[in-house]
Amino acid sequence: MQLSRRRGRRRRETALPYTIEHMDLLRTRFASPGPVYCPACGGAFTLGPARRRGNEIARRVVCLGCGRAAVVPNSRAARIILIDQNAAVREQMAVMLAGAGHEVIEAGDASVGLAAYETVPADVVFLDVLGAGRLDPTDFLRRLRRRYPDARVVAMAGRPTYSGVDQLAIMQGLGAIRTLRMPVTRDKILQTVEEARP
């Protein structure tokens, strides 16, 4: 950011525009499954939240390599926050989701996931309901739904315990829109993203 001489106001530097050919390529790539790369430099993108523009839903995308930005119609790519205390499970799911072209933000604790959501809201949040941490998963879901009623959370858990309490049912009662009993296949995870996203 630069400081403008007039009245000390800050102004943003305008990102370099894409050419018409690049924009056509971007729209095509974002409309189809798989990873999307910048047509100008080959870099990866960060996705802004999906927003309504007239009759369509669009999102702002920014290349991490060259800094070019564009607004594209809502794409098959989604911004996903993945909250799981188990690093191996988190990494495996992140690889599956990123391989399908989604942007994945990983968090080992629900409090970190909440901070990430507050920075830039995600399309879908995957939450391990049995993970301990500084913020209990049920408290996370309550706080998130209170501040962001439209937040779309998928609750995940391993095999059920025989204590008589089904944590997935509790999370569904608190507003989770989908539940997953782990382990699940890659196809099931990707299908869940499609069903859960706005």
Protein backbone atom coordinates (compact mmCIF):
# COMPACT_ATOMS: atom_id res chain seq x y z
CA MET A 1 0.00 0.00 0.00
CA GLN A 2 1.14 3.51 -0.73
CA LEU A 3 0.39 6.69 1.13
CA SER A 4 -1.38 9.26 -1.03
CA ARG A 5 -0.14 12.84 -0.74
CA ARG A 6 -3.67 14.16 -0.47
CA ARG A 7 -4.96 14.08 3.09
CA GLY A 8 -2.71 11.16 4.08
CA ARG A 9 -5.12 8.53 2.73
CA ARG A 10 -3.91 5.06 1.93
CA ARG A 11 -4.63 3.64 -1.48
CA ARG A 12 -4.19 0.13 -2.76
CA GLU A 13 -1.97 -0.57 -5.71
CA THR A 14 -4.07 -1.89 -8.57
CA ALA A 15 -3.26 -5.47 -9.52
CA LEU A 16 -2.10 -6.08 -13.08
CA PRO A 17 -5.05 -7.05 -15.24
CA TYR A 18 -5.38 -10.33 -17.09
CA THR A 19 -5.72 -10.29 -20.86
CA ILE A 20 -9.02 -11.33 -22.45
CA GLU A 21 -7.44 -14.67 -23.42
CA HIS A 22 -6.28 -15.24 -19.84
CA MET A 23 -9.75 -14.44 -18.49
CA ASP A 24 -11.33 -16.96 -20.88
CA LEU A 25 -8.83 -19.59 -19.70
CA LEU A 26 -9.53 -18.77 -16.04
CA ARG A 27 -13.29 -19.11 -16.43
CA THR A 28 -12.88 -22.43 -18.21
CA ARG A 29 -10.44 -23.79 -15.63
CA PHE A 30 -12.50 -22.69 -12.63
CA ALA A 31 -15.62 -24.26 -14.16
CA SER A 32 -14.03 -27.70 -14.46
CA PRO A 33 -12.69 -30.06 -11.77
CA GLY A 34 -9.02 -30.19 -10.90
CA PRO A 35 -6.32 -27.75 -9.80
CA VAL A 36 -6.34 -24.24 -11.29
CA TYR A 37 -3.14 -22.35 -12.06
CA CYS A 38 -2.54 -18.77 -13.14
CA PRO A 39 -2.45 -18.55 -16.96
CA ALA A 40 0.12 -15.74 -16.77
CA CYS A 41 2.76 -17.23 -14.43
CA GLY A 42 1.57 -20.73 -13.44
CA GLY A 43 1.14 -19.78 -9.76
CA ALA A 44 -1.58 -21.01 -7.39
CA PHE A 45 -4.58 -18.93 -6.34
CA THR A 46 -6.10 -17.83 -3.10
CA LEU A 47 -9.90 -17.71 -3.19
CA GLY A 48 -12.05 -14.98 -1.73
CA PRO A 49 -15.48 -15.75 -0.31
CA ALA A 50 -18.34 -16.37 -2.73
CA ARG A 51 -20.51 -13.25 -3.06
CA ARG A 52 -23.71 -12.45 -4.90
CA ARG A 53 -23.26 -10.09 -7.89
CA GLY A 54 -26.62 -9.43 -9.49
CA ASN A 55 -28.09 -12.79 -10.50
CA GLU A 56 -24.86 -14.76 -10.20
CA ILE A 57 -22.46 -15.73 -7.45
CA ALA A 58 -18.82 -14.76 -8.02
CA ARG A 59 -15.56 -14.75 -6.12
CA ARG A 60 -12.33 -12.76 -6.28
CA VAL A 61 -9.22 -14.83 -6.95
CA VAL A 62 -5.65 -13.62 -6.48
CA CYS A 63 -2.54 -15.29 -7.92
CA LEU A 64 0.08 -15.97 -5.25
CA GLY A 65 2.84 -15.76 -7.87
CA CYS A 66 2.31 -12.60 -9.91
CA GLY A 67 -0.37 -10.88 -7.79
CA ARG A 68 -2.90 -10.61 -10.62
CA ALA A 69 -6.50 -10.65 -9.47
CA ALA A 70 -9.80 -11.39 -11.17
CA VAL A 71 -13.45 -11.88 -10.38
CA VAL A 72 -14.74 -15.17 -11.73
CA PRO A 73 -18.16 -16.81 -11.60
CA ASN A 74 -18.49 -19.12 -8.62
CA SER A 75 -16.39 -22.13 -9.47
CA ARG A 76 -16.06 -25.76 -8.59
CA ALA A 77 -13.11 -24.76 -6.40
CA ALA A 78 -14.02 -24.09 -2.78
CA ARG A 79 -12.23 -22.51 0.18
CA ILE A 80 -12.16 -25.16 2.92
CA ILE A 81 -11.04 -25.00 6.54
CA LEU A 82 -10.02 -28.42 7.84
CA ILE A 83 -9.92 -28.75 11.65
CA ASP A 84 -8.50 -32.00 12.96
CA GLN A 85 -6.03 -32.61 15.78
CA ASN A 86 -4.59 -35.69 14.05
CA ALA A 87 -1.90 -34.36 11.67
CA ALA A 88 -1.87 -37.54 9.55
CA VAL A 89 -5.64 -37.43 8.93
CA ARG A 90 -5.44 -33.69 8.25
CA GLU A 91 -2.64 -34.12 5.72
CA GLN A 92 -4.39 -36.99 3.94
CA MET A 93 -7.65 -35.06 3.59
CA ALA A 94 -5.83 -31.87 2.55
CA VAL A 95 -4.06 -33.74 -0.26
CA MET A 96 -7.39 -35.17 -1.49
CA LEU A 97 -9.12 -31.78 -1.42
CA ALA A 98 -6.23 -29.80 -2.93
CA GLY A 99 -5.88 -32.43 -5.66
CA ALA A 100 -9.47 -31.64 -6.68
CA GLY A 101 -8.60 -27.93 -6.96
CA HIS A 102 -9.88 -26.71 -3.58
CA GLU A 103 -8.01 -24.26 -1.38
CA VAL A 104 -7.41 -25.89 2.02
CA ILE A 105 -6.53 -24.15 5.27
CA GLU A 106 -5.45 -26.62 7.95
CA ALA A 107 -5.93 -26.13 11.69
CA GLY A 108 -4.94 -28.49 14.49
CA ASP A 109 -7.20 -26.70 16.98
CA ALA A 110 -10.75 -25.32 16.76
CA SER A 111 -9.66 -21.92 18.09
CA VAL A 112 -7.20 -21.58 15.19
CA GLY A 113 -9.94 -22.64 12.78
CA LEU A 114 -12.27 -19.98 14.19
CA ALA A 115 -9.60 -17.29 13.74
CA ALA A 116 -9.03 -18.46 10.15
CA TYR A 117 -12.78 -18.28 9.43
CA GLU A 118 -13.00 -14.78 10.88
CA THR A 119 -10.12 -13.66 8.62
CA VAL A 120 -11.74 -14.95 5.41
CA PRO A 121 -14.96 -17.00 5.67
CA ALA A 122 -14.74 -20.45 4.09
CA ASP A 123 -17.24 -22.21 1.86
CA VAL A 124 -17.08 -25.37 3.99
CA VAL A 125 -15.57 -26.24 7.39
CA PHE A 126 -14.64 -29.86 8.16
CA LEU A 127 -14.55 -30.34 11.95
CA ASP A 128 -13.31 -33.35 13.93
CA VAL A 129 -15.84 -33.52 16.78
CA LEU A 130 -13.65 -35.71 19.02
CA GLY A 131 -10.59 -33.47 18.89
CA ALA A 132 -9.52 -31.91 22.15
CA GLY A 133 -7.94 -28.46 22.15
CA ARG A 134 -8.17 -24.98 23.58
CA LEU A 135 -11.71 -24.70 22.18
CA ASP A 136 -14.14 -27.60 22.42
CA PRO A 137 -15.71 -28.55 19.03
CA THR A 138 -19.25 -27.95 20.35
CA ASP A 139 -18.22 -24.48 21.62
CA PHE A 140 -16.58 -23.81 18.25
CA LEU A 141 -19.78 -24.65 16.40
CA ARG A 142 -21.92 -22.55 18.76
CA ARG A 143 -19.66 -19.50 18.39
CA LEU A 144 -19.31 -19.88 14.65
CA ARG A 145 -23.07 -20.24 14.06
CA ARG A 146 -23.80 -17.31 16.39
CA ARG A 147 -21.45 -14.97 14.47
CA TYR A 148 -21.96 -16.50 11.02
CA PRO A 149 -25.42 -18.11 10.76
CA ASP A 150 -24.73 -19.18 7.16
CA ALA A 151 -21.52 -21.07 8.02
CA ARG A 152 -21.53 -24.56 6.54
CA VAL A 153 -19.94 -27.13 8.85
CA VAL A 154 -19.37 -30.83 8.18
CA ALA A 155 -18.84 -32.75 11.45
CA MET A 156 -16.50 -35.76 11.34
CA ALA A 157 -15.94 -38.56 13.83
CA GLY A 158 -14.48 -42.06 13.95
CA ARG A 159 -16.41 -45.14 14.97
CA PRO A 160 -19.18 -44.50 17.50
CA THR A 161 -18.48 -45.04 21.17
CA TYR A 162 -20.76 -47.15 23.28
CA SER A 163 -21.21 -44.54 25.99
CA GLY A 164 -24.67 -43.76 24.66
CA VAL A 165 -23.75 -40.29 23.35
CA ASP A 166 -23.43 -39.79 19.59
CA GLN A 167 -21.29 -36.69 19.08
CA LEU A 168 -22.31 -36.42 15.42
CA ALA A 169 -25.99 -36.22 16.39
CA ILE A 170 -25.16 -33.49 18.91
CA MET A 171 -23.25 -31.50 16.27
CA GLN A 172 -26.13 -31.88 13.82
CA GLY A 173 -28.46 -30.52 16.49
CA LEU A 174 -26.12 -27.52 16.87
CA GLY A 175 -26.24 -26.71 13.14
CA ALA A 176 -23.78 -28.96 11.28
CA ILE A 177 -25.25 -29.47 7.82
CA ARG A 178 -23.54 -32.82 7.12
CA THR A 179 -21.85 -35.55 9.13
CA LEU A 180 -19.13 -38.01 8.14
CA ARG A 181 -18.25 -41.25 9.88
CA MET A 182 -14.51 -41.77 9.34
CA PRO A 183 -12.75 -43.35 7.54
CA VAL A 184 -14.31 -42.33 4.22
CA THR A 185 -13.28 -42.52 0.58
CA ARG A 186 -11.97 -39.63 -1.50
CA ASP A 187 -15.15 -39.68 -3.61
CA LYS A 188 -17.31 -39.38 -0.51
CA ILE A 189 -15.30 -36.40 0.76
CA LEU A 190 -15.51 -34.60 -2.59
CA GLN A 191 -19.24 -35.38 -2.85
CA THR A 192 -19.73 -33.94 0.64
CA VAL A 193 -18.00 -30.70 -0.42
CA GLU A 194 -20.34 -30.38 -3.40
CA GLU A 195 -23.40 -31.01 -1.24
CA ALA A 196 -22.33 -28.73 1.60
CA ARG A 197 -20.99 -25.70 -0.27
CA PRO A 198 -23.23 -22.71 -0.98
